Amino acid sequence: MTKLPLCFTIGSLLLLAGATAFAAGGGRVIQPLKTSAPSWRHGKKPEMVYVPGGEFFMGHNPPGFEFGPVRRVTVDSFWIGKNDVTVSQFADYCEATGTKFDWDGRRPAWGWDGKDDRPMVNVTWDEAIAYCKWAGGDLPTDAQWEKAARGTDARAYPWGNDWAPNRAWYREGNDSIAEPAPVGSFPKGVSPFGCLDMAGNVAQWCKDWFGAVDVTEVKNPVGPGFGTKRVIRGGDYHDRRTLLISWVRSAQVPKEYSTWTGFRLVSLKP
């Protein structure tokens, strides 16, 4: 955090900056507007895609603790981000609200400078929720995320049942990838409803607590009422492709953050 100085001239006092600024690496200066209304000065407003309400197949057989058995689940219609929230979009939120995000302390190895189109990472679950509320939405539930990724035909991947190249950013063999790709870099990996990067690049926070699946909860399920970790979905650039399957769930402590976890916005209106 950097305080902009008060500069003085001999004849008068000239206020050059009275607000607190935040540096998001490499010269980004974010001056808080302190308004609750969304404003997009650095990044584009998140593009949303529509997911119609109705039934879909959730889970996998044979079931495991990470995922329940295949079952018919119904969710109401919703809108979800076509892409993960980007660095520039999160910077807009910080600027508009005066949020004191520790850009220097949370800087990933690849830095923030020139990476405005990368998915925002190193955010806790609470920070992701706060952004979504400001933007007029929420984090997706586990069920909303899975329907947006798989559609209604129980496919294994967003693009279909078979693995195919050039559809996701992930770890191949023993070759580790150093950083996430710009959002939307793999259009061939699009889901049935138009979402990108639902497999690989960065995993995504969901709203639910992580726990055993309640197979009787089939109408707008929200998961357990309590827990110690929140659901994350989608796999990431460190993962091999077996973890990019759309029914696989992972979890993370909500107060923790990582360079492989981001998030996307969901809303009941566009």
Protein backbone atom coordinates (compact mmCIF):
# COMPACT_ATOMS: atom_id res chain seq x y z
CA MET A 1 0.00 0.00 0.00
CA THR A 2 1.38 3.39 -1.03
CA LYS A 3 0.31 6.77 0.28
CA LEU A 4 0.22 9.43 -2.42
CA PRO A 5 2.11 12.48 -1.10
CA LEU A 6 0.88 15.98 -0.36
CA CYS A 7 3.15 18.31 -2.29
CA PHE A 8 3.77 21.89 -1.34
CA THR A 9 4.73 24.92 -3.44
CA ILE A 10 6.15 28.15 -1.99
CA GLY A 11 3.04 30.25 -2.46
CA SER A 12 0.32 27.68 -1.82
CA LEU A 13 -0.58 24.16 -0.86
CA LEU A 14 -1.32 21.93 -3.82
CA LEU A 15 -3.10 18.69 -3.06
CA LEU A 16 -1.97 16.17 -5.62
CA ALA A 17 -3.57 13.14 -4.04
CA GLY A 18 -5.69 12.69 -0.98
CA ALA A 19 -6.80 9.12 -1.48
CA THR A 20 -5.02 5.93 -0.57
CA ALA A 21 -3.67 4.05 -3.57
CA PHE A 22 -2.96 0.42 -4.10
CA ALA A 23 -0.28 -0.90 -6.44
CA ALA A 24 -1.22 -4.04 -8.31
CA GLY A 25 2.30 -4.63 -9.52
CA GLY A 26 4.26 -2.88 -12.20
CA GLY A 27 2.78 0.58 -11.96
CA ARG A 28 -0.92 -0.19 -11.49
CA VAL A 29 -2.30 2.49 -9.18
CA ILE A 30 -5.81 1.96 -7.88
CA GLN A 31 -7.47 4.97 -6.28
CA PRO A 32 -10.59 3.99 -4.33
CA LEU A 33 -13.83 5.52 -5.53
CA LYS A 34 -15.63 4.29 -2.40
CA THR A 35 -18.88 3.49 -4.13
CA SER A 36 -20.98 0.38 -3.86
CA ALA A 37 -22.00 0.56 -7.53
CA PRO A 38 -20.08 -1.63 -9.98
CA SER A 39 -17.79 0.32 -12.27
CA TRP A 40 -15.47 -1.04 -14.93
CA ARG A 41 -12.52 1.27 -15.54
CA HIS A 42 -9.71 -1.23 -16.07
CA GLY A 43 -11.44 -4.43 -17.09
CA LYS A 44 -14.53 -5.25 -19.10
CA LYS A 45 -17.80 -6.00 -17.36
CA PRO A 46 -17.99 -9.79 -16.91
CA GLU A 47 -19.74 -11.42 -19.85
CA MET A 48 -22.53 -13.71 -18.66
CA VAL A 49 -24.06 -16.74 -20.36
CA TYR A 50 -27.53 -18.14 -19.70
CA VAL A 51 -28.17 -21.58 -18.21
CA PRO A 52 -31.87 -22.55 -18.44
CA GLY A 53 -33.57 -24.12 -15.47
CA GLY A 54 -34.45 -27.78 -15.39
CA GLU A 55 -33.02 -31.21 -14.74
CA PHE A 56 -29.52 -32.45 -15.41
CA PHE A 57 -27.45 -35.46 -14.41
CA MET A 58 -25.05 -34.75 -11.55
CA GLY A 59 -22.37 -37.02 -10.12
CA HIS A 60 -20.79 -40.24 -11.35
CA ASN A 61 -21.01 -43.98 -10.89
CA PRO A 62 -19.47 -45.62 -8.99
CA PRO A 63 -19.74 -42.81 -6.42
CA GLY A 64 -17.02 -41.62 -4.06
CA PHE A 65 -16.80 -39.16 -1.20
CA GLU A 66 -15.69 -36.45 -3.64
CA PHE A 67 -18.78 -36.95 -5.81
CA GLY A 68 -22.14 -38.61 -5.35
CA PRO A 69 -23.80 -41.18 -7.59
CA VAL A 70 -25.46 -40.14 -10.82
CA ARG A 71 -28.78 -38.53 -9.94
CA ARG A 72 -31.29 -36.17 -11.48
CA VAL A 73 -30.93 -32.69 -10.00
CA THR A 74 -33.03 -29.63 -10.81
CA VAL A 75 -31.79 -26.06 -10.64
CA ASP A 76 -33.57 -22.83 -11.47
CA SER A 77 -32.31 -20.79 -14.43
CA PHE A 78 -29.28 -18.58 -13.85
CA TRP A 79 -26.54 -16.60 -15.54
CA ILE A 80 -22.87 -17.45 -15.06
CA GLY A 81 -19.63 -15.81 -16.10
CA LYS A 82 -18.40 -16.94 -19.49
CA ASN A 83 -14.89 -16.62 -18.04
CA ASP A 84 -13.26 -16.53 -14.66
CA VAL A 85 -13.01 -13.11 -13.03
CA THR A 86 -9.82 -11.48 -14.30
CA VAL A 87 -7.10 -9.49 -12.56
CA SER A 88 -8.38 -6.25 -14.10
CA GLN A 89 -11.97 -6.93 -13.08
CA PHE A 90 -10.92 -7.58 -9.49
CA ALA A 91 -8.86 -4.38 -9.59
CA ASP A 92 -12.01 -2.50 -10.60
CA TYR A 93 -13.76 -3.89 -7.53
CA CYS A 94 -10.90 -2.81 -5.26
CA GLU A 95 -10.90 0.65 -6.77
CA ALA A 96 -14.64 1.13 -6.53
CA THR A 97 -14.97 -0.07 -2.96
CA GLY A 98 -11.67 0.99 -1.43
CA THR A 99 -10.86 -2.63 -0.62
CA LYS A 100 -7.34 -2.87 0.78
CA PHE A 101 -6.19 -5.95 -1.11
CA ASP A 102 -2.53 -6.80 -0.47
CA TRP A 103 -1.37 -6.80 -4.09
CA ASP A 104 2.31 -6.96 -3.17
CA GLY A 105 1.93 -9.69 -0.56
CA ARG A 106 -0.31 -11.79 -2.81
CA ARG A 107 1.77 -11.30 -5.96
CA PRO A 108 2.22 -14.68 -7.72
CA ALA A 109 5.58 -15.68 -9.16
CA TRP A 110 4.53 -14.43 -12.61
CA GLY A 111 3.53 -11.03 -11.22
CA TRP A 112 0.51 -8.85 -11.93
CA ASP A 113 2.07 -6.46 -14.44
CA GLY A 114 0.79 -7.04 -17.94
CA LYS A 115 -1.42 -9.91 -16.77
CA ASP A 116 -4.77 -8.11 -16.64
CA ASP A 117 -6.43 -10.83 -18.72
CA ARG A 118 -5.29 -13.66 -16.43
CA PRO A 119 -7.75 -15.20 -13.98
CA MET A 120 -7.58 -13.54 -10.57
CA VAL A 121 -5.90 -15.87 -8.07
CA ASN A 122 -4.68 -15.70 -4.47
CA VAL A 123 -8.13 -14.72 -3.21
CA THR A 124 -9.90 -16.32 -0.27
CA TRP A 125 -13.46 -17.58 -0.44
CA ASP A 126 -14.63 -14.52 1.52
CA GLU A 127 -12.87 -12.16 -0.89
CA ALA A 128 -14.43 -13.95 -3.86
CA ILE A 129 -17.88 -13.69 -2.27
CA ALA A 130 -17.37 -9.98 -1.56
CA TYR A 131 -16.54 -9.31 -5.23
CA CYS A 132 -19.57 -11.28 -6.41
CA LYS A 133 -21.93 -9.43 -4.07
CA TRP A 134 -20.55 -6.10 -5.29
CA ALA A 135 -21.04 -7.19 -8.92
CA GLY A 136 -24.66 -8.11 -8.20
CA GLY A 137 -24.34 -11.86 -7.90
CA ASP A 138 -22.82 -14.70 -5.93
CA LEU A 139 -20.51 -17.66 -6.24
CA PRO A 140 -22.10 -20.60 -8.07
CA THR A 141 -23.38 -23.49 -6.04
CA ASP A 142 -21.79 -26.85 -6.66
CA ALA A 143 -24.86 -27.85 -8.69
CA GLN A 144 -24.94 -24.64 -10.73
CA TRP A 145 -21.26 -25.04 -11.56
CA GLU A 146 -21.67 -28.66 -12.66
CA LYS A 147 -24.68 -27.96 -14.86
CA ALA A 148 -22.88 -25.03 -16.51
CA ALA A 149 -19.89 -27.29 -17.18
CA ARG A 150 -21.62 -30.52 -18.25
CA GLY A 151 -24.96 -29.53 -19.71
CA THR A 152 -27.79 -32.04 -19.46
CA ASP A 153 -26.28 -35.15 -21.05
CA ALA A 154 -23.90 -36.23 -18.24
CA ARG A 155 -20.79 -35.66 -20.34
CA ALA A 156 -17.38 -36.10 -18.74
CA TYR A 157 -15.82 -32.86 -20.02
CA PRO A 158 -17.32 -29.54 -21.03
CA TRP A 159 -16.82 -30.39 -24.72
CA GLY A 160 -17.96 -34.05 -24.62
CA ASN A 161 -17.19 -37.51 -23.25
CA ASP A 162 -13.80 -38.03 -24.86
CA TRP A 163 -10.55 -36.28 -24.08
CA ALA A 164 -9.37 -34.05 -26.91
CA PRO A 165 -6.29 -31.82 -27.30
CA ASN A 166 -6.20 -28.02 -27.33
CA ARG A 167 -9.23 -27.67 -25.08
CA ALA A 168 -7.70 -27.00 -21.67
CA TRP A 169 -4.59 -25.63 -19.93
CA TYR A 170 -3.26 -28.41 -17.70
CA ARG A 171 -0.23 -30.50 -16.76
CA GLU A 172 0.83 -33.08 -19.31
CA GLY A 173 2.91 -35.93 -17.89
CA ASN A 174 5.68 -34.59 -15.68
CA ASP A 175 5.79 -31.20 -17.39
CA SER A 176 4.63 -28.55 -14.95
CA ILE A 177 3.06 -25.34 -16.29
CA ALA A 178 4.36 -22.16 -14.70
CA GLU A 179 1.28 -19.95 -14.77
CA PRO A 180 -2.34 -19.74 -15.89
CA ALA A 181 -3.25 -18.74 -19.42
CA PRO A 182 -5.35 -15.70 -20.32
CA VAL A 183 -9.03 -16.43 -19.80
CA GLY A 184 -10.80 -17.87 -22.83
CA SER A 185 -7.60 -19.13 -24.49
CA PHE A 186 -9.19 -22.47 -25.41
CA PRO A 187 -12.46 -21.83 -27.27
CA LYS A 188 -12.66 -25.49 -28.33
CA GLY A 189 -13.16 -26.35 -24.67
CA VAL A 190 -16.45 -24.46 -24.46
CA SER A 191 -19.27 -25.99 -22.39
CA PRO A 192 -22.80 -26.59 -23.76
CA PHE A 193 -23.94 -23.23 -22.38
CA GLY A 194 -20.94 -21.20 -23.53
CA CYS A 195 -18.61 -21.25 -20.50
CA LEU A 196 -14.86 -21.35 -21.05
CA ASP A 197 -12.09 -22.74 -18.82
CA MET A 198 -14.39 -25.04 -16.87
CA ALA A 199 -11.61 -27.63 -17.15
CA GLY A 200 -8.09 -26.58 -16.23
CA ASN A 201 -6.38 -23.16 -16.07
CA VAL A 202 -7.51 -22.34 -12.51
CA ALA A 203 -9.90 -24.12 -10.18
CA GLN A 204 -12.92 -22.11 -9.05
CA TRP A 205 -14.48 -21.46 -5.68
CA CYS A 206 -18.06 -22.60 -5.24
CA LYS A 207 -20.50 -21.53 -2.55
CA ASP A 208 -21.05 -24.93 -0.89
CA TRP A 209 -19.32 -26.42 2.09
CA PHE A 210 -17.47 -29.59 1.11
CA GLY A 211 -18.87 -32.78 2.58
CA ALA A 212 -20.67 -36.03 1.91
CA VAL A 213 -23.27 -35.72 -0.84
CA ASP A 214 -26.91 -35.79 0.23
CA VAL A 215 -28.57 -37.67 -2.63
CA THR A 216 -32.04 -36.64 -1.41
CA GLU A 217 -31.27 -32.96 -2.05
CA VAL A 218 -32.32 -32.75 -5.68
CA LYS A 219 -33.96 -29.32 -6.01
CA ASN A 220 -31.52 -26.38 -6.01
CA PRO A 221 -29.09 -28.21 -3.69
CA VAL A 222 -26.86 -26.05 -1.51
CA GLY A 223 -24.76 -28.72 0.17
CA PRO A 224 -24.03 -29.23 3.90
CA GLY A 225 -24.99 -26.57 6.41
CA PHE A 226 -21.47 -26.39 7.83
CA GLY A 227 -17.95 -27.63 7.26
CA THR A 228 -14.26 -26.76 7.33
CA LYS A 229 -13.61 -26.45 3.58
CA ARG A 230 -15.44 -25.02 0.59
CA VAL A 231 -15.89 -26.79 -2.73
CA ILE A 232 -13.57 -25.89 -5.59
CA ARG A 233 -14.16 -27.14 -9.12
CA GLY A 234 -12.59 -27.54 -12.52
CA GLY A 235 -8.99 -28.51 -11.88
CA ASP A 236 -6.09 -26.22 -12.69
CA TYR A 237 -2.88 -25.74 -14.64
CA HIS A 238 -0.96 -27.94 -12.14
CA ASP A 239 -3.35 -30.88 -12.54
CA ARG A 240 -3.25 -33.81 -14.88
CA ARG A 241 -6.28 -34.35 -17.05
CA THR A 242 -7.84 -36.98 -14.76
CA LEU A 243 -8.64 -34.14 -12.34
CA LEU A 244 -10.28 -32.05 -15.05
CA ILE A 245 -13.30 -34.35 -15.34
CA SER A 246 -16.42 -32.31 -14.69
CA TRP A 247 -17.85 -34.39 -11.83
CA VAL A 248 -14.62 -34.25 -9.77
CA ARG A 249 -14.78 -32.02 -6.69
CA SER A 250 -11.92 -30.68 -4.59
CA ALA A 251 -11.91 -28.49 -1.50
CA GLN A 252 -9.98 -25.68 0.13
CA VAL A 253 -10.08 -23.95 3.52
CA PRO A 254 -12.04 -20.72 2.89
CA LYS A 255 -9.51 -18.50 4.68
CA GLU A 256 -6.69 -19.81 2.50
CA TYR A 257 -5.73 -18.67 -0.99
CA SER A 258 -3.60 -20.18 -3.73
CA THR A 259 -2.13 -19.42 -7.13
CA TRP A 260 -4.30 -22.12 -8.70
CA THR A 261 -7.71 -21.08 -7.39
CA GLY A 262 -9.88 -18.34 -8.88
CA PHE A 263 -13.63 -17.87 -9.23
CA ARG A 264 -16.45 -16.83 -11.52
CA LEU A 265 -19.65 -14.89 -11.03
CA VAL A 266 -23.19 -16.27 -11.02
CA SER A 267 -26.40 -14.24 -11.06
CA LEU A 268 -30.13 -14.72 -11.39
CA LYS A 269 -30.21 -11.90 -13.97
CA PRO A 270 -27.82 -10.90 -16.80
